[in-house]
Amino acid sequence: MYQRSLEQNDQRLQLEKWEQQLHEREMHIVELELRLLMATNNQERVHNQTPKIQKRSGRFMRSLLNGNINHSLNTSTLISSPTSKIFFF
C-alpha cells in the first residue's frame, strides 16, 4: 500500500511539472502571436498613412490654366501705344 501511494505521488508530481511546462509554452506562443500582430499593425499603419501635401506658396494664373501661354507673366509692365483717331471725309 505504501509503495502504491509513493508511485501515485510521483505521477502527480510529474503531471504537475508537465502542466507547468505546457503553460509556459502556451504563454510563449501567445507572446509571439501578440508581437506578430503588433508588427503587422504597425506596418499597416505606416503603409496607410496619407502623405502630407505641401502647401502652395503662389496662385494659379487663369491664363495658364486656360491654356493661353502667350499672355505675359507680369501684365503691369505692358505699355500700350497711344491710339490715334483717323477721320475720313
Protein backbone atom coordinates (compact mmCIF):
# COMPACT_ATOMS: atom_id res chain seq x y z
CA MET A 1 0.00 0.00 0.00
CA TYR A 2 2.84 2.36 0.87
CA GLN A 3 4.53 1.60 -2.45
CA ARG A 4 1.37 2.44 -4.38
CA SER A 5 0.98 5.83 -2.67
CA LEU A 6 4.62 6.70 -3.50
CA GLU A 7 4.00 5.86 -7.16
CA GLN A 8 0.85 7.95 -7.23
CA ASN A 9 2.64 10.86 -5.61
CA ASP A 10 5.48 10.57 -8.14
CA GLN A 11 2.97 10.52 -11.05
CA ARG A 12 1.16 13.53 -9.60
CA LEU A 13 4.44 15.48 -9.38
CA GLN A 14 5.36 14.55 -12.96
CA LEU A 15 1.91 15.59 -14.15
CA GLU A 16 2.18 18.96 -12.36
CA LYS A 17 5.61 19.52 -13.85
CA TRP A 18 4.31 18.67 -17.32
CA GLU A 19 1.34 21.03 -16.87
CA GLN A 20 3.68 23.84 -15.81
CA GLN A 21 5.88 23.31 -18.90
CA LEU A 22 2.79 23.26 -21.11
CA HIS A 23 1.56 26.51 -19.56
CA GLU A 24 4.95 28.17 -20.13
CA ARG A 25 4.95 27.06 -23.79
CA GLU A 26 1.43 28.39 -24.29
CA MET A 27 2.38 31.74 -22.77
CA HIS A 28 5.44 31.91 -25.03
CA ILE A 29 3.26 31.24 -28.10
CA VAL A 30 0.75 33.90 -27.01
CA GLU A 31 3.60 36.39 -26.59
CA LEU A 32 4.93 35.60 -30.08
CA GLU A 33 1.45 35.95 -31.60
CA LEU A 34 0.97 39.30 -29.87
CA ARG A 35 4.31 40.58 -31.17
CA LEU A 36 3.40 39.42 -34.68
CA LEU A 37 0.03 41.21 -34.51
CA MET A 38 1.67 44.39 -33.23
CA ALA A 39 4.28 44.33 -36.00
CA THR A 40 1.59 43.74 -38.65
CA ASN A 41 -0.50 46.57 -37.22
CA ASN A 42 2.49 48.94 -37.27
CA GLN A 43 3.27 48.04 -40.88
CA GLU A 44 -0.35 48.64 -41.92
CA ARG A 45 -0.41 51.96 -40.08
CA VAL A 46 2.77 53.14 -41.82
CA HIS A 47 1.54 51.88 -45.19
CA ASN A 48 -1.89 53.52 -44.89
CA GLN A 49 -0.72 56.95 -43.75
CA THR A 50 -1.80 59.69 -46.08
CA PRO A 51 1.12 61.62 -47.49
CA LYS A 52 1.50 65.18 -46.33
CA ILE A 53 0.76 67.66 -49.08
CA GLN A 54 2.96 70.73 -49.29
CA LYS A 55 1.06 73.99 -49.35
CA ARG A 56 1.36 76.08 -52.48
CA SER A 57 3.10 79.38 -52.00
CA GLY A 58 1.68 81.09 -55.08
CA ARG A 59 -1.51 81.41 -57.05
CA PHE A 60 -2.57 79.89 -60.30
CA MET A 61 -2.73 82.27 -63.20
CA ARG A 62 -6.02 81.94 -65.02
CA SER A 63 -4.35 82.42 -68.39
CA LEU A 64 -2.09 79.44 -67.79
CA LEU A 65 -4.98 77.35 -66.57
CA ASN A 66 -6.98 78.14 -69.70
CA GLY A 67 -4.05 77.30 -71.96
CA ASN A 68 -3.17 80.87 -73.02
CA ILE A 69 0.59 80.70 -72.81
CA ASN A 70 1.13 83.87 -74.92
CA HIS A 71 -0.06 86.07 -72.08
CA SER A 72 2.75 87.90 -70.27
CA LEU A 73 3.56 86.88 -66.71
CA ASN A 74 3.56 90.44 -65.43
CA THR A 75 0.75 92.41 -67.09
CA SER A 76 1.56 95.65 -65.29
CA THR A 77 4.72 96.14 -67.37
CA LEU A 78 2.89 96.18 -70.69
CA ILE A 79 2.78 99.60 -72.33
CA SER A 80 0.09 100.29 -74.82
CA SER A 81 0.67 102.59 -77.77
CA PRO A 82 -1.33 105.79 -77.99
CA THR A 83 -4.40 105.48 -80.10
CA SER A 84 -4.86 107.94 -82.90
CA LYS A 85 -8.16 108.77 -84.43
CA ILE A 86 -8.28 108.72 -88.16
CA PHE A 87 -11.02 110.74 -89.74
CA PHE A 88 -12.28 110.06 -93.21
CA PHE A 89 -14.21 112.79 -95.01
